[in-house]
């Protein structure tokens, strides 16, 4: 097992739905455009549950009655995949992995997600295969997941928990043939203190350091574009998701979010390699130096 950076930083992003990637848009864009990183993305669900918000886009998609549940669930998986790929093109995502798990309904109940909607062991198996084979033998240096939170959509939380469960199992296998990525969690909420998720110890974030979180400043100006900042990138991404029209006012009109927040998980420290934390610290420091000097 190795944790040193490869010649090109390789990153695997895990989201639950098409459009969740917007939460990490500033960081991803900077990784690919400033550090020339390779970023791949896993989307766990097929997004069909978004039919309730899709009426606004019916005229754009050949007047298909997407807001009607049966019709929406039939067409939205195909449509939302294309929307995600359009959004991903903006931030430079290289490869997409679609797991096509059932997007039944909004619920914060993680048990319901696992009992009624997703096949836990199948998803973990796919995570394992993507981590091992998605970037070939070099593997991934970094994995970005959705930070588990009791106030979040159950799909968001479970996608992160299953990714952490996969990492835990890989660590216990102690296989020399698999590169285990360092895992950080991005928060969909603005947090003023280190997050806790007592329901699952795998989600424990590392606080035994002077730096408890890592921030990507969305007010930083884009290189070679002195007027525009990274919030513009998020608006571009949101505009690709036409079936989820609420993203535009949420991100571009009503948003008071100045930065993205990321947290380093304690699980990374199981192999006693302090260079994992140092790698993340150096990564965010490098991005800050690029934008602030």
C-alpha atoms as a PDB file:
ATOM      1  CA  UNK A   1       0.000   0.000   0.000  1.00  0.00           C
ATOM      2  CA  UNK A   2       1.310   3.460  -0.888  1.00  0.00           C
ATOM      3  CA  UNK A   3       0.134   6.934   0.043  1.00  0.00           C
ATOM      4  CA  UNK A   4       2.619   9.091  -1.817  1.00  0.00           C
ATOM      5  CA  UNK A   5       1.262  11.319  -4.566  1.00  0.00           C
ATOM      6  CA  UNK A   6       1.586  10.035  -8.066  1.00  0.00           C
ATOM      7  CA  UNK A   7       3.074  12.250 -10.770  1.00  0.00           C
ATOM      8  CA  UNK A   8      -0.442  13.466 -11.484  1.00  0.00           C
ATOM      9  CA  UNK A   9      -2.785  13.832  -8.508  1.00  0.00           C
ATOM     10  CA  UNK A  10      -5.661  11.386  -8.939  1.00  0.00           C
ATOM     11  CA  UNK A  11      -8.989  12.012  -7.235  1.00  0.00           C
ATOM     12  CA  UNK A  12     -12.190   9.976  -6.914  1.00  0.00           C
ATOM     13  CA  UNK A  13     -15.363  11.883  -5.991  1.00  0.00           C
ATOM     14  CA  UNK A  14     -18.446  10.095  -4.616  1.00  0.00           C
ATOM     15  CA  UNK A  15     -21.913  11.673  -4.767  1.00  0.00           C
ATOM     16  CA  UNK A  16     -25.401  10.316  -4.282  1.00  0.00           C
ATOM     17  CA  UNK A  17     -27.342  12.126  -7.035  1.00  0.00           C
ATOM     18  CA  UNK A  18     -26.669  13.907 -10.295  1.00  0.00           C
ATOM     19  CA  UNK A  19     -26.300  17.570  -9.139  1.00  0.00           C
ATOM     20  CA  UNK A  20     -24.609  16.773  -5.782  1.00  0.00           C
ATOM     21  CA  UNK A  21     -21.253  17.325  -7.481  1.00  0.00           C
ATOM     22  CA  UNK A  22     -21.974  21.064  -7.442  1.00  0.00           C
ATOM     23  CA  UNK A  23     -21.214  21.014  -3.704  1.00  0.00           C
ATOM     24  CA  UNK A  24     -17.557  20.361  -4.566  1.00  0.00           C
ATOM     25  CA  UNK A  25     -17.423  22.426  -7.751  1.00  0.00           C
ATOM     26  CA  UNK A  26     -14.879  25.047  -6.736  1.00  0.00           C
ATOM     27  CA  UNK A  27     -12.407  22.524  -5.370  1.00  0.00           C
ATOM     28  CA  UNK A  28     -12.762  20.169  -8.339  1.00  0.00           C
ATOM     29  CA  UNK A  29     -12.329  22.954 -10.889  1.00  0.00           C
ATOM     30  CA  UNK A  30      -9.195  24.161  -9.142  1.00  0.00           C
ATOM     31  CA  UNK A  31      -7.783  20.639  -8.907  1.00  0.00           C
ATOM     32  CA  UNK A  32      -8.124  20.021 -12.634  1.00  0.00           C
ATOM     33  CA  UNK A  33      -7.369  23.510 -13.944  1.00  0.00           C
ATOM     34  CA  UNK A  34      -4.630  24.628 -11.539  1.00  0.00           C
ATOM     35  CA  UNK A  35      -2.980  21.349 -10.510  1.00  0.00           C
ATOM     36  CA  UNK A  36      -3.759  19.317 -13.653  1.00  0.00           C
ATOM     37  CA  UNK A  37      -5.245  16.605 -11.456  1.00  0.00           C
ATOM     38  CA  UNK A  38      -7.256  13.718 -12.876  1.00  0.00           C
ATOM     39  CA  UNK A  39     -10.717  13.645 -11.273  1.00  0.00           C
ATOM     40  CA  UNK A  40     -13.192  10.785 -11.689  1.00  0.00           C
ATOM     41  CA  UNK A  41     -16.703  10.685 -10.252  1.00  0.00           C
ATOM     42  CA  UNK A  42     -19.068   8.032  -8.894  1.00  0.00           C
ATOM     43  CA  UNK A  43     -22.809   8.766  -8.841  1.00  0.00           C
ATOM     44  CA  UNK A  44     -24.633   6.181  -6.732  1.00  0.00           C
ATOM     45  CA  UNK A  45     -28.296   6.758  -7.668  1.00  0.00           C
ATOM     46  CA  UNK A  46     -30.011   7.158 -11.020  1.00  0.00           C
ATOM     47  CA  UNK A  47     -31.679  10.421  -9.962  1.00  0.00           C
ATOM     48  CA  UNK A  48     -35.206   9.386 -10.940  1.00  0.00           C
ATOM     49  CA  UNK A  49     -36.641  10.785  -7.694  1.00  0.00           C
ATOM     50  CA  UNK A  50     -36.113  14.304  -9.011  1.00  0.00           C
ATOM     51  CA  UNK A  51     -39.349  14.209 -10.997  1.00  0.00           C
ATOM     52  CA  UNK A  52     -41.033  16.552  -8.480  1.00  0.00           C
ATOM     53  CA  UNK A  53     -38.711  19.359  -9.567  1.00  0.00           C
ATOM     54  CA  UNK A  54     -38.532  18.554 -13.276  1.00  0.00           C
ATOM     55  CA  UNK A  55     -41.634  20.329 -14.593  1.00  0.00           C
ATOM     56  CA  UNK A  56     -39.672  23.465 -15.405  1.00  0.00           C
ATOM     57  CA  UNK A  57     -37.574  21.547 -17.930  1.00  0.00           C
ATOM     58  CA  UNK A  58     -40.362  19.792 -19.847  1.00  0.00           C
ATOM     59  CA  UNK A  59     -40.285  22.232 -22.769  1.00  0.00           C
ATOM     60  CA  UNK A  60     -36.514  21.820 -23.007  1.00  0.00           C
ATOM     61  CA  UNK A  61     -36.816  18.034 -23.155  1.00  0.00           C
ATOM     62  CA  UNK A  62     -39.336  17.619 -25.987  1.00  0.00           C
ATOM     63  CA  UNK A  63     -42.353  18.327 -23.749  1.00  0.00           C
ATOM     64  CA  UNK A  64     -41.996  14.998 -21.932  1.00  0.00           C
ATOM     65  CA  UNK A  65     -44.193  15.172 -18.796  1.00  0.00           C
ATOM     66  CA  UNK A  66     -41.295  14.718 -16.438  1.00  0.00           C
ATOM     67  CA  UNK A  67     -43.211  15.940 -13.384  1.00  0.00           C
ATOM     68  CA  UNK A  68     -45.566  12.954 -13.674  1.00  0.00           C
ATOM     69  CA  UNK A  69     -44.003  10.247 -11.548  1.00  0.00           C
ATOM     70  CA  UNK A  70     -44.231   7.261 -13.878  1.00  0.00           C
ATOM     71  CA  UNK A  71     -43.012   9.206 -16.888  1.00  0.00           C
ATOM     72  CA  UNK A  72     -40.364  11.072 -14.895  1.00  0.00           C
ATOM     73  CA  UNK A  73     -38.922   7.911 -13.383  1.00  0.00           C
ATOM     74  CA  UNK A  74     -38.691   6.406 -16.865  1.00  0.00           C
ATOM     75  CA  UNK A  75     -36.825   9.279 -18.517  1.00  0.00           C
ATOM     76  CA  UNK A  76     -34.913  11.068 -15.770  1.00  0.00           C
ATOM     77  CA  UNK A  77     -32.107   8.517 -15.309  1.00  0.00           C
ATOM     78  CA  UNK A  78     -31.039   9.065 -18.933  1.00  0.00           C
ATOM     79  CA  UNK A  79     -31.580  12.824 -18.840  1.00  0.00           C
ATOM     80  CA  UNK A  80     -29.886  13.418 -15.508  1.00  0.00           C
ATOM     81  CA  UNK A  81     -26.848  11.387 -16.529  1.00  0.00           C
ATOM     82  CA  UNK A  82     -26.379  13.774 -19.441  1.00  0.00           C
ATOM     83  CA  UNK A  83     -26.877  16.764 -17.152  1.00  0.00           C
ATOM     84  CA  UNK A  84     -24.246  15.453 -14.771  1.00  0.00           C
ATOM     85  CA  UNK A  85     -21.822  14.893 -17.611  1.00  0.00           C
ATOM     86  CA  UNK A  86     -22.403  18.445 -18.815  1.00  0.00           C
ATOM     87  CA  UNK A  87     -21.702  19.769 -15.331  1.00  0.00           C
ATOM     88  CA  UNK A  88     -18.672  17.524 -15.043  1.00  0.00           C
ATOM     89  CA  UNK A  89     -17.259  18.834 -18.298  1.00  0.00           C
ATOM     90  CA  UNK A  90     -17.155  22.326 -16.770  1.00  0.00           C
ATOM     91  CA  UNK A  91     -14.907  21.215 -13.917  1.00  0.00           C
ATOM     92  CA  UNK A  92     -12.897  18.753 -15.965  1.00  0.00           C
ATOM     93  CA  UNK A  93     -14.134  15.383 -14.707  1.00  0.00           C
ATOM     94  CA  UNK A  94     -12.388  12.645 -16.657  1.00  0.00           C
ATOM     95  CA  UNK A  95     -14.521   9.532 -16.095  1.00  0.00           C
ATOM     96  CA  UNK A  96     -17.979   8.835 -14.691  1.00  0.00           C
ATOM     97  CA  UNK A  97     -19.131   5.690 -12.885  1.00  0.00           C
ATOM     98  CA  UNK A  98     -22.911   5.303 -12.620  1.00  0.00           C
ATOM     99  CA  UNK A  99     -24.140   2.788 -10.044  1.00  0.00           C
ATOM    100  CA  UNK A 100     -27.857   3.292 -10.859  1.00  0.00           C
ATOM    101  CA  UNK A 101     -29.225   2.626  -7.383  1.00  0.00           C
ATOM    102  CA  UNK A 102     -32.915   3.344  -6.786  1.00  0.00           C
ATOM    103  CA  UNK A 103     -33.793   6.980  -5.990  1.00  0.00           C
ATOM    104  CA  UNK A 104     -37.112   6.322  -4.279  1.00  0.00           C
ATOM    105  CA  UNK A 105     -37.736   9.335  -2.069  1.00  0.00           C
ATOM    106  CA  UNK A 106     -36.292  11.963   0.227  1.00  0.00           C
ATOM    107  CA  UNK A 107     -35.665  10.618   3.703  1.00  0.00           C
ATOM    108  CA  UNK A 108     -33.105  11.224   6.423  1.00  0.00           C
ATOM    109  CA  UNK A 109     -33.553   7.644   7.576  1.00  0.00           C
ATOM    110  CA  UNK A 110     -30.395   5.815   6.543  1.00  0.00           C
ATOM    111  CA  UNK A 111     -31.886   2.446   7.512  1.00  0.00           C
ATOM    112  CA  UNK A 112     -34.693   2.997   5.032  1.00  0.00           C
ATOM    113  CA  UNK A 113     -32.183   3.716   2.284  1.00  0.00           C
ATOM    114  CA  UNK A 114     -30.424   0.414   2.910  1.00  0.00           C
ATOM    115  CA  UNK A 115     -33.539  -1.686   3.444  1.00  0.00           C
ATOM    116  CA  UNK A 116     -35.779  -0.314   0.682  1.00  0.00           C
ATOM    117  CA  UNK A 117     -33.615   1.311  -1.958  1.00  0.00           C
ATOM    118  CA  UNK A 118     -29.965   0.303  -2.196  1.00  0.00           C
ATOM    119  CA  UNK A 119     -28.116  -2.998  -2.256  1.00  0.00           C
ATOM    120  CA  UNK A 120     -25.431  -2.335   0.359  1.00  0.00           C
ATOM    121  CA  UNK A 121     -23.057  -5.168  -0.478  1.00  0.00           C
ATOM    122  CA  UNK A 122     -23.381  -4.578  -4.206  1.00  0.00           C
ATOM    123  CA  UNK A 123     -22.521  -0.877  -3.771  1.00  0.00           C
ATOM    124  CA  UNK A 124     -19.528  -1.700  -1.550  1.00  0.00           C
ATOM    125  CA  UNK A 125     -18.398  -4.226  -4.142  1.00  0.00           C
ATOM    126  CA  UNK A 126     -18.597  -1.577  -6.858  1.00  0.00           C
ATOM    127  CA  UNK A 127     -16.679   0.903  -4.705  1.00  0.00           C
ATOM    128  CA  UNK A 128     -14.001  -1.737  -4.232  1.00  0.00           C
ATOM    129  CA  UNK A 129     -13.775  -2.385  -7.977  1.00  0.00           C
ATOM    130  CA  UNK A 130     -13.667   1.315  -8.864  1.00  0.00           C
ATOM    131  CA  UNK A 131     -10.970   2.062  -6.298  1.00  0.00           C
ATOM    132  CA  UNK A 132      -8.913  -0.895  -7.544  1.00  0.00           C
ATOM    133  CA  UNK A 133      -9.445  -0.615 -11.284  1.00  0.00           C
ATOM    134  CA  UNK A 134     -10.915   2.828 -12.044  1.00  0.00           C
ATOM    135  CA  UNK A 135      -7.494   4.427 -12.482  1.00  0.00           C
ATOM    136  CA  UNK A 136      -5.550   1.288 -13.217  1.00  0.00           C
ATOM    137  CA  UNK A 137      -2.696   0.111 -11.039  1.00  0.00           C
ATOM    138  CA  UNK A 138      -1.858   3.634  -9.866  1.00  0.00           C
ATOM    139  CA  UNK A 139      -5.144   3.926  -8.012  1.00  0.00           C
ATOM    140  CA  UNK A 140      -6.375   7.164  -6.464  1.00  0.00           C
ATOM    141  CA  UNK A 141      -4.529   9.497  -4.117  1.00  0.00           C
ATOM    142  CA  UNK A 142      -7.641  11.165  -2.719  1.00  0.00           C
ATOM    143  CA  UNK A 143     -11.316  10.311  -2.303  1.00  0.00           C
ATOM    144  CA  UNK A 144     -13.888  13.041  -1.667  1.00  0.00           C
ATOM    145  CA  UNK A 145     -17.206  11.922  -0.176  1.00  0.00           C
ATOM    146  CA  UNK A 146     -20.331  13.601   1.148  1.00  0.00           C
ATOM    147  CA  UNK A 147     -19.845  14.238   4.862  1.00  0.00           C
ATOM    148  CA  UNK A 148     -22.375  12.157   6.856  1.00  0.00           C
ATOM    149  CA  UNK A 149     -24.801  14.378   8.750  1.00  0.00           C
ATOM    150  CA  UNK A 150     -28.012  13.513  10.631  1.00  0.00           C
ATOM    151  CA  UNK A 151     -29.710  16.506   9.011  1.00  0.00           C
ATOM    152  CA  UNK A 152     -28.802  15.480   5.488  1.00  0.00           C
ATOM    153  CA  UNK A 153     -30.627  13.494   2.826  1.00  0.00           C
ATOM    154  CA  UNK A 154     -30.238   9.827   3.716  1.00  0.00           C
ATOM    155  CA  UNK A 155     -28.759   9.125   0.290  1.00  0.00           C
ATOM    156  CA  UNK A 156     -26.007  11.674   0.905  1.00  0.00           C
ATOM    157  CA  UNK A 157     -25.099  10.183   4.254  1.00  0.00           C
ATOM    158  CA  UNK A 158     -25.261   6.553   3.128  1.00  0.00           C
ATOM    159  CA  UNK A 159     -23.111   7.202   0.057  1.00  0.00           C
ATOM    160  CA  UNK A 160     -20.419   8.537   2.372  1.00  0.00           C
ATOM    161  CA  UNK A 161     -20.813   5.768   4.948  1.00  0.00           C
ATOM    162  CA  UNK A 162     -20.571   2.995   2.365  1.00  0.00           C
ATOM    163  CA  UNK A 163     -17.465   4.592   0.880  1.00  0.00           C
ATOM    164  CA  UNK A 164     -15.914   4.664   4.364  1.00  0.00           C
ATOM    165  CA  UNK A 165     -16.974   1.056   4.962  1.00  0.00           C
ATOM    166  CA  UNK A 166     -15.203   0.103   1.743  1.00  0.00           C
ATOM    167  CA  UNK A 167     -12.013   1.850   2.869  1.00  0.00           C
ATOM    168  CA  UNK A 168     -12.235   0.101   6.238  1.00  0.00           C
ATOM    169  CA  UNK A 169     -12.535  -3.314   4.597  1.00  0.00           C
ATOM    170  CA  UNK A 170      -9.642  -2.602   2.253  1.00  0.00           C
ATOM    171  CA  UNK A 171      -7.467  -1.609   5.206  1.00  0.00           C
ATOM    172  CA  UNK A 172      -8.268  -4.870   6.973  1.00  0.00           C
ATOM    173  CA  UNK A 173      -7.421  -6.850   3.838  1.00  0.00           C
ATOM    174  CA  UNK A 174      -3.932  -5.290   3.971  1.00  0.00           C
ATOM    175  CA  UNK A 175      -3.474  -6.019   0.298  1.00  0.00           C
ATOM    176  CA  UNK A 176      -0.300  -4.771  -1.352  1.00  0.00           C
ATOM    177  CA  UNK A 177      -2.076  -4.738  -4.693  1.00  0.00           C
ATOM    178  CA  UNK A 178      -4.547  -1.956  -3.901  1.00  0.00           C
ATOM    179  CA  UNK A 179      -3.745   1.715  -3.427  1.00  0.00           C
ATOM    180  CA  UNK A 180      -6.064   2.962  -0.663  1.00  0.00           C
ATOM    181  CA  UNK A 181      -6.940   6.630  -1.127  1.00  0.00           C
ATOM    182  CA  UNK A 182      -6.958   9.219   1.633  1.00  0.00           C
ATOM    183  CA  UNK A 183     -10.583  10.195   2.357  1.00  0.00           C
ATOM    184  CA  UNK A 184     -12.001  13.645   3.098  1.00  0.00           C
ATOM    185  CA  UNK A 185     -15.643  14.645   3.468  1.00  0.00           C
ATOM    186  CA  UNK A 186     -17.207  17.747   1.979  1.00  0.00           C
ATOM    187  CA  UNK A 187     -20.031  19.375   3.929  1.00  0.00           C
ATOM    188  CA  UNK A 188     -23.264  20.489   2.323  1.00  0.00           C
ATOM    189  CA  UNK A 189     -23.908  22.701   5.361  1.00  0.00           C
ATOM    190  CA  UNK A 190     -21.909  25.639   6.683  1.00  0.00           C
ATOM    191  CA  UNK A 191     -20.384  24.271   9.891  1.00  0.00           C
ATOM    192  CA  UNK A 192     -18.972  26.377  12.719  1.00  0.00           C
ATOM    193  CA  UNK A 193     -17.475  23.487  14.669  1.00  0.00           C
ATOM    194  CA  UNK A 194     -16.045  20.060  13.876  1.00  0.00           C
ATOM    195  CA  UNK A 195     -18.825  17.716  12.746  1.00  0.00           C
ATOM    196  CA  UNK A 196     -19.873  14.628  14.649  1.00  0.00           C
ATOM    197  CA  UNK A 197     -21.821  11.589  13.502  1.00  0.00           C
ATOM    198  CA  UNK A 198     -22.215   9.315  16.540  1.00  0.00           C
ATOM    199  CA  UNK A 199     -24.294   6.784  14.599  1.00  0.00           C
ATOM    200  CA  UNK A 200     -21.186   5.387  12.900  1.00  0.00           C
ATOM    201  CA  UNK A 201     -17.619   5.612  14.173  1.00  0.00           C
ATOM    202  CA  UNK A 202     -16.206   5.361  10.661  1.00  0.00           C
ATOM    203  CA  UNK A 203     -17.442   8.923  10.097  1.00  0.00           C
ATOM    204  CA  UNK A 204     -15.314  10.335  12.921  1.00  0.00           C
ATOM    205  CA  UNK A 205     -13.275  13.317  11.764  1.00  0.00           C
ATOM    206  CA  UNK A 206      -9.724  13.885  12.927  1.00  0.00           C
ATOM    207  CA  UNK A 207      -9.439  16.691  15.499  1.00  0.00           C
ATOM    208  CA  UNK A 208      -6.032  15.933  16.998  1.00  0.00           C
ATOM    209  CA  UNK A 209      -4.428  18.767  15.075  1.00  0.00           C
ATOM    210  CA  UNK A 210      -4.451  22.549  14.952  1.00  0.00           C
ATOM    211  CA  UNK A 211      -6.219  22.320  11.584  1.00  0.00           C
ATOM    212  CA  UNK A 212      -9.650  20.719  11.977  1.00  0.00           C
ATOM    213  CA  UNK A 213     -11.008  21.593   8.571  1.00  0.00           C
ATOM    214  CA  UNK A 214      -9.863  22.590   5.122  1.00  0.00           C
ATOM    215  CA  UNK A 215     -11.547  25.399   3.232  1.00  0.00           C
ATOM    216  CA  UNK A 216     -11.755  26.213  -0.434  1.00  0.00           C
ATOM    217  CA  UNK A 217     -12.582  29.892  -0.856  1.00  0.00           C
ATOM    218  CA  UNK A 218     -15.302  30.406  -3.453  1.00  0.00           C
ATOM    219  CA  UNK A 219     -14.473  34.142  -3.513  1.00  0.00           C
ATOM    220  CA  UNK A 220     -11.053  33.442  -4.984  1.00  0.00           C
ATOM    221  CA  UNK A 221     -10.748  34.875  -8.465  1.00  0.00           C
ATOM    222  CA  UNK A 222     -10.411  32.509 -11.367  1.00  0.00           C
ATOM    223  CA  UNK A 223      -6.967  32.541 -12.896  1.00  0.00           C
ATOM    224  CA  UNK A 224      -6.943  34.683 -16.074  1.00  0.00           C
ATOM    225  CA  UNK A 225     -10.406  36.020 -15.155  1.00  0.00           C
ATOM    226  CA  UNK A 226      -9.896  38.829 -12.623  1.00  0.00           C
ATOM    227  CA  UNK A 227     -13.605  39.650 -12.314  1.00  0.00           C
ATOM    228  CA  UNK A 228     -15.102  36.166 -11.975  1.00  0.00           C
ATOM    229  CA  UNK A 229     -14.759  33.938  -8.917  1.00  0.00           C
ATOM    230  CA  UNK A 230     -15.530  30.265  -8.258  1.00  0.00           C
ATOM    231  CA  UNK A 231     -19.165  30.967  -7.470  1.00  0.00           C
ATOM    232  CA  UNK A 232     -19.556  31.533 -11.196  1.00  0.00           C
ATOM    233  CA  UNK A 233     -18.371  27.975 -11.797  1.00  0.00           C
ATOM    234  CA  UNK A 234     -21.047  26.666  -9.410  1.00  0.00           C
ATOM    235  CA  UNK A 235     -23.692  28.638 -11.300  1.00  0.00           C
ATOM    236  CA  UNK A 236     -22.505  27.204 -14.606  1.00  0.00           C
ATOM    237  CA  UNK A 237     -22.724  23.711 -13.150  1.00  0.00           C
ATOM    238  CA  UNK A 238     -26.175  24.306 -11.679  1.00  0.00           C
ATOM    239  CA  UNK A 239     -27.412  25.572 -15.051  1.00  0.00           C
ATOM    240  CA  UNK A 240     -26.609  22.182 -16.591  1.00  0.00           C
ATOM    241  CA  UNK A 241     -29.156  20.546 -14.271  1.00  0.00           C
ATOM    242  CA  UNK A 242     -32.238  21.933 -15.956  1.00  0.00           C
ATOM    243  CA  UNK A 243     -34.536  19.295 -14.464  1.00  0.00           C
ATOM    244  CA  UNK A 244     -33.565  20.529 -10.991  1.00  0.00           C
ATOM    245  CA  UNK A 245     -34.276  24.218 -11.492  1.00  0.00           C
ATOM    246  CA  UNK A 246     -34.136  25.052  -7.796  1.00  0.00           C
ATOM    247  CA  UNK A 247     -30.347  24.880  -7.889  1.00  0.00           C
ATOM    248  CA  UNK A 248     -30.067  28.207  -9.681  1.00  0.00           C
ATOM    249  CA  UNK A 249     -31.674  30.398  -6.992  1.00  0.00           C
ATOM    250  CA  UNK A 250     -30.105  28.280  -4.251  1.00  0.00           C
ATOM    251  CA  UNK A 251     -26.559  28.732  -5.534  1.00  0.00           C
ATOM    252  CA  UNK A 252     -26.610  31.887  -7.608  1.00  0.00           C
ATOM    253  CA  UNK A 253     -29.219  34.140  -6.027  1.00  0.00           C
ATOM    254  CA  UNK A 254     -29.756  33.270  -2.371  1.00  0.00           C
ATOM    255  CA  UNK A 255     -26.390  31.756  -1.500  1.00  0.00           C
ATOM    256  CA  UNK A 256     -24.276  33.380   1.173  1.00  0.00           C
ATOM    257  CA  UNK A 257     -21.733  30.585   1.105  1.00  0.00           C
ATOM    258  CA  UNK A 258     -18.187  31.883   0.804  1.00  0.00           C
ATOM    259  CA  UNK A 259     -16.286  28.600   0.952  1.00  0.00           C
ATOM    260  CA  UNK A 260     -16.460  24.852   0.698  1.00  0.00           C
ATOM    261  CA  UNK A 261     -15.554  22.924   3.848  1.00  0.00           C
ATOM    262  CA  UNK A 262     -13.718  19.610   3.904  1.00  0.00           C
ATOM    263  CA  UNK A 263     -12.832  17.359   6.846  1.00  0.00           C
ATOM    264  CA  UNK A 264     -10.185  14.660   7.252  1.00  0.00           C
ATOM    265  CA  UNK A 265     -11.393  11.331   8.630  1.00  0.00           C
ATOM    266  CA  UNK A 266      -9.730   9.541  11.528  1.00  0.00           C
ATOM    267  CA  UNK A 267      -9.887   6.300   9.539  1.00  0.00           C
ATOM    268  CA  UNK A 268      -6.977   7.642   7.478  1.00  0.00           C
ATOM    269  CA  UNK A 269      -4.730   7.339  10.530  1.00  0.00           C
ATOM    270  CA  UNK A 270      -5.185   3.591  11.000  1.00  0.00           C
ATOM    271  CA  UNK A 271      -1.979   2.782   9.137  1.00  0.00           C
ATOM    272  CA  UNK A 272      -0.015   5.342  11.206  1.00  0.00           C
ATOM    273  CA  UNK A 273       1.184   7.236   8.156  1.00  0.00           C
ATOM    274  CA  UNK A 274       1.206  10.928   9.075  1.00  0.00           C
ATOM    275  CA  UNK A 275       1.952  11.740   5.441  1.00  0.00           C
ATOM    276  CA  UNK A 276      -1.745  11.292   4.629  1.00  0.00           C
ATOM    277  CA  UNK A 277      -2.692  14.351   6.649  1.00  0.00           C
ATOM    278  CA  UNK A 278       0.369  16.202   5.410  1.00  0.00           C
ATOM    279  CA  UNK A 279      -0.644  15.493   1.824  1.00  0.00           C
ATOM    280  CA  UNK A 280      -4.081  17.070   2.378  1.00  0.00           C
ATOM    281  CA  UNK A 281      -2.603  20.035   4.225  1.00  0.00           C
ATOM    282  CA  UNK A 282      -0.092  20.630   1.453  1.00  0.00           C
ATOM    283  CA  UNK A 283      -2.788  20.337  -1.198  1.00  0.00           C
ATOM    284  CA  UNK A 284      -4.976  23.064   0.290  1.00  0.00           C
ATOM    285  CA  UNK A 285      -1.944  25.229   1.076  1.00  0.00           C
ATOM    286  CA  UNK A 286      -0.812  24.945  -2.528  1.00  0.00           C
ATOM    287  CA  UNK A 287      -4.224  26.037  -3.806  1.00  0.00           C
ATOM    288  CA  UNK A 288      -4.275  28.974  -1.391  1.00  0.00           C
ATOM    289  CA  UNK A 289      -0.810  30.058  -2.536  1.00  0.00           C
ATOM    290  CA  UNK A 290      -1.869  29.912  -6.171  1.00  0.00           C
ATOM    291  CA  UNK A 291      -4.903  32.121  -5.609  1.00  0.00           C
ATOM    292  CA  UNK A 292      -3.624  34.534  -2.980  1.00  0.00           C
ATOM    293  CA  UNK A 293      -0.216  35.434  -4.421  1.00  0.00           C
END
